[in-house]
């Protein structure tokens, strides 16, 4: 499949290490939370800013809980 991004559009993919991260109460970060974070990233944000927003939100959610899995996030943005 081919994906043609229009100017200003982007693509974000991540491993389950993001959505399946747990906090100290054993609640899961979840895909819905990831989507909510992405909805609130300003439209003009760079790919790096998008990745940073997800990692900052995950770290805040985990609040020092042990990481059980690695997390990979890839963001592409067409200028």
N, C-alpha and C. Protein backbone atom coordinates (compact mmCIF):
# COMPACT_ATOMS: atom_id res chain seq x y z
N UNK A 1 0.84 -1.18 0.00
CA UNK A 1 0.00 0.00 0.00
C UNK A 1 0.89 1.24 0.00
N UNK A 2 0.40 2.26 -0.63
CA UNK A 2 1.12 3.52 -0.72
C UNK A 2 0.34 4.57 0.05
N UNK A 3 1.06 5.36 0.82
CA UNK A 3 0.45 6.44 1.57
C UNK A 3 0.98 7.76 1.03
N UNK A 4 0.10 8.57 0.53
CA UNK A 4 0.49 9.89 0.03
C UNK A 4 0.03 10.94 1.02
N UNK A 5 0.97 11.53 1.72
CA UNK A 5 0.64 12.58 2.69
C UNK A 5 0.58 13.92 1.98
N UNK A 6 -0.45 14.68 2.29
CA UNK A 6 -0.56 16.03 1.78
C UNK A 6 0.24 16.95 2.68
N UNK A 7 0.62 18.13 2.21
CA UNK A 7 1.37 19.07 3.06
C UNK A 7 0.64 19.29 4.39
N UNK A 8 1.39 19.17 5.47
CA UNK A 8 0.85 19.35 6.81
C UNK A 8 0.32 18.09 7.45
N UNK A 9 0.13 17.01 6.67
CA UNK A 9 -0.36 15.75 7.22
C UNK A 9 0.81 14.94 7.77
N UNK A 10 0.47 13.99 8.62
CA UNK A 10 1.50 13.16 9.22
C UNK A 10 1.00 11.76 9.50
N UNK A 11 1.91 10.95 9.95
CA UNK A 11 1.62 9.57 10.31
C UNK A 11 2.38 9.27 11.60
N UNK A 12 1.70 8.64 12.55
CA UNK A 12 2.33 8.24 13.80
C UNK A 12 2.09 6.75 13.99
N UNK A 13 3.15 6.00 14.23
CA UNK A 13 3.05 4.58 14.57
C UNK A 13 3.85 4.35 15.84
N UNK A 14 3.38 3.40 16.64
CA UNK A 14 4.07 3.10 17.89
C UNK A 14 3.91 1.64 18.24
N UNK A 15 4.83 1.16 19.07
CA UNK A 15 4.76 -0.22 19.54
C UNK A 15 3.85 -0.30 20.75
N UNK A 16 3.51 -1.51 21.13
CA UNK A 16 2.63 -1.71 22.28
C UNK A 16 3.25 -1.27 23.59
N UNK A 17 4.53 -0.98 23.59
CA UNK A 17 5.18 -0.46 24.80
C UNK A 17 4.60 0.89 25.22
N UNK A 18 4.03 1.63 24.27
CA UNK A 18 3.38 2.89 24.60
C UNK A 18 1.99 2.63 25.18
N UNK A 19 1.14 1.96 24.43
CA UNK A 19 -0.25 1.77 24.84
C UNK A 19 -0.41 0.79 26.00
N UNK A 20 0.54 -0.13 26.17
CA UNK A 20 0.43 -1.12 27.24
C UNK A 20 1.27 -0.79 28.46
N UNK A 21 1.71 0.45 28.58
CA UNK A 21 2.44 0.89 29.78
C UNK A 21 1.46 0.98 30.95
N UNK A 22 1.93 0.66 32.15
CA UNK A 22 1.08 0.68 33.34
C UNK A 22 1.55 1.73 34.34
N UNK A 23 0.60 2.27 35.09
CA UNK A 23 0.96 3.15 36.19
C UNK A 23 1.10 2.32 37.47
N UNK A 24 1.33 2.97 38.59
CA UNK A 24 1.54 2.25 39.86
C UNK A 24 0.28 1.49 40.30
N UNK A 25 -0.89 1.90 39.82
CA UNK A 25 -2.15 1.23 40.18
C UNK A 25 -2.52 0.13 39.19
N UNK A 26 -1.59 -0.16 38.27
CA UNK A 26 -1.76 -1.19 37.24
C UNK A 26 -2.84 -0.82 36.23
N UNK A 27 -3.05 0.48 36.02
CA UNK A 27 -3.94 0.93 34.95
C UNK A 27 -3.11 1.10 33.70
N UNK A 28 -3.68 0.77 32.57
CA UNK A 28 -2.97 0.82 31.29
C UNK A 28 -3.09 2.19 30.63
N UNK A 29 -1.99 2.64 30.00
CA UNK A 29 -1.99 3.91 29.27
C UNK A 29 -3.07 3.88 28.19
N UNK A 30 -3.09 2.87 27.37
CA UNK A 30 -4.16 2.64 26.40
C UNK A 30 -4.06 3.45 25.12
N UNK A 31 -4.69 2.91 24.09
CA UNK A 31 -4.72 3.57 22.78
C UNK A 31 -5.56 4.84 22.81
N UNK A 32 -6.65 4.81 23.58
CA UNK A 32 -7.51 6.00 23.65
C UNK A 32 -6.75 7.20 24.20
N UNK A 33 -5.94 6.97 25.23
CA UNK A 33 -5.14 8.04 25.82
C UNK A 33 -4.13 8.57 24.80
N UNK A 34 -3.51 7.66 24.06
CA UNK A 34 -2.55 8.08 23.03
C UNK A 34 -3.24 8.95 21.98
N UNK A 35 -4.43 8.55 21.57
CA UNK A 35 -5.18 9.33 20.59
C UNK A 35 -5.57 10.70 21.14
N UNK A 36 -5.94 10.76 22.41
CA UNK A 36 -6.27 12.05 23.03
C UNK A 36 -5.06 12.98 23.06
N UNK A 37 -3.90 12.42 23.36
CA UNK A 37 -2.66 13.22 23.36
C UNK A 37 -2.43 13.78 21.96
N UNK A 38 -2.57 12.93 20.95
CA UNK A 38 -2.34 13.36 19.57
C UNK A 38 -3.34 14.44 19.13
N UNK A 39 -4.58 14.35 19.60
CA UNK A 39 -5.59 15.35 19.26
C UNK A 39 -5.23 16.74 19.79
N UNK A 40 -4.46 16.78 20.88
CA UNK A 40 -4.15 18.06 21.52
C UNK A 40 -2.77 18.60 21.15
N UNK A 41 -2.06 17.91 20.28
CA UNK A 41 -0.78 18.43 19.79
C UNK A 41 -1.10 19.53 18.78
N UNK A 42 -0.51 20.72 18.94
CA UNK A 42 -0.81 21.81 18.00
C UNK A 42 -0.55 21.42 16.55
N UNK A 43 -1.38 21.90 15.66
CA UNK A 43 -1.34 21.54 14.24
C UNK A 43 0.02 21.76 13.59
N UNK A 44 0.73 22.79 13.96
CA UNK A 44 2.01 23.09 13.34
C UNK A 44 3.20 22.37 13.95
N UNK A 45 2.95 21.41 14.83
CA UNK A 45 4.04 20.72 15.53
C UNK A 45 4.88 19.88 14.57
N UNK A 46 6.15 19.78 14.88
CA UNK A 46 7.05 18.94 14.10
C UNK A 46 6.87 17.47 14.50
N UNK A 47 7.43 16.57 13.73
CA UNK A 47 7.39 15.15 14.06
C UNK A 47 8.05 14.91 15.42
N UNK A 48 9.15 15.59 15.70
CA UNK A 48 9.83 15.44 16.99
C UNK A 48 8.94 15.90 18.13
N UNK A 49 8.23 16.99 17.95
CA UNK A 49 7.33 17.49 19.00
C UNK A 49 6.18 16.52 19.26
N UNK A 50 5.72 15.86 18.22
CA UNK A 50 4.66 14.85 18.37
C UNK A 50 5.18 13.67 19.19
N UNK A 51 6.35 13.17 18.85
CA UNK A 51 6.96 12.06 19.59
C UNK A 51 7.19 12.47 21.03
N UNK A 52 7.73 13.66 21.25
CA UNK A 52 7.98 14.15 22.61
C UNK A 52 6.70 14.22 23.42
N UNK A 53 5.61 14.68 22.82
CA UNK A 53 4.33 14.79 23.53
C UNK A 53 3.87 13.43 24.03
N UNK A 54 4.03 12.39 23.20
CA UNK A 54 3.64 11.04 23.62
C UNK A 54 4.52 10.52 24.74
N UNK A 55 5.84 10.72 24.62
CA UNK A 55 6.75 10.23 25.66
C UNK A 55 6.56 10.98 26.98
N UNK A 56 6.37 12.28 26.92
CA UNK A 56 6.14 13.07 28.14
C UNK A 56 4.85 12.61 28.81
N UNK A 57 3.79 12.40 28.04
CA UNK A 57 2.53 11.94 28.60
C UNK A 57 2.67 10.54 29.22
N UNK A 58 3.41 9.67 28.55
CA UNK A 58 3.60 8.32 29.09
C UNK A 58 4.38 8.36 30.40
N UNK A 59 5.44 9.14 30.44
CA UNK A 59 6.25 9.25 31.67
C UNK A 59 5.42 9.82 32.82
N UNK A 60 4.63 10.85 32.54
CA UNK A 60 3.78 11.44 33.58
C UNK A 60 2.75 10.41 34.06
N UNK A 61 2.18 9.65 33.15
CA UNK A 61 1.20 8.63 33.49
C UNK A 61 1.83 7.55 34.37
N UNK A 62 3.02 7.11 34.01
CA UNK A 62 3.67 6.03 34.74
C UNK A 62 4.16 6.50 36.12
N UNK A 63 4.49 7.76 36.24
CA UNK A 63 4.90 8.37 37.52
C UNK A 63 5.86 7.49 38.32
N UNK A 64 6.90 7.02 37.66
CA UNK A 64 7.92 6.24 38.36
C UNK A 64 7.67 4.75 38.40
N UNK A 65 6.55 4.27 37.87
CA UNK A 65 6.29 2.83 37.84
C UNK A 65 7.33 2.16 36.94
N UNK A 66 7.61 0.91 37.21
CA UNK A 66 8.59 0.17 36.42
C UNK A 66 8.12 -0.01 34.98
N UNK A 67 9.06 0.14 34.07
CA UNK A 67 8.77 -0.06 32.64
C UNK A 67 8.91 -1.55 32.35
N UNK A 68 7.84 -2.13 31.78
CA UNK A 68 7.84 -3.57 31.49
C UNK A 68 8.24 -3.88 30.05
N UNK A 69 8.24 -2.86 29.18
CA UNK A 69 8.49 -3.09 27.77
C UNK A 69 9.16 -1.85 27.18
N UNK A 70 9.86 -2.04 26.10
CA UNK A 70 10.44 -0.88 25.41
C UNK A 70 9.34 -0.18 24.61
N UNK A 71 9.56 1.08 24.33
CA UNK A 71 8.59 1.89 23.60
C UNK A 71 9.27 2.52 22.39
N UNK A 72 8.66 2.35 21.24
CA UNK A 72 9.15 2.96 20.02
C UNK A 72 8.01 3.77 19.40
N UNK A 73 8.31 5.01 19.04
CA UNK A 73 7.34 5.87 18.38
C UNK A 73 8.00 6.46 17.14
N UNK A 74 7.31 6.39 16.01
CA UNK A 74 7.79 6.97 14.77
C UNK A 74 6.74 7.95 14.28
N UNK A 75 7.15 9.18 14.03
CA UNK A 75 6.24 10.17 13.47
C UNK A 75 6.84 10.70 12.18
N UNK A 76 6.03 10.77 11.16
CA UNK A 76 6.42 11.35 9.87
C UNK A 76 5.50 12.53 9.62
N UNK A 77 6.05 13.61 9.11
CA UNK A 77 5.23 14.78 8.83
C UNK A 77 5.70 15.40 7.53
N UNK A 78 4.75 15.64 6.66
CA UNK A 78 5.09 16.29 5.39
C UNK A 78 4.99 17.80 5.57
N UNK A 79 6.06 18.49 5.20
CA UNK A 79 6.10 19.94 5.35
C UNK A 79 5.35 20.67 4.30
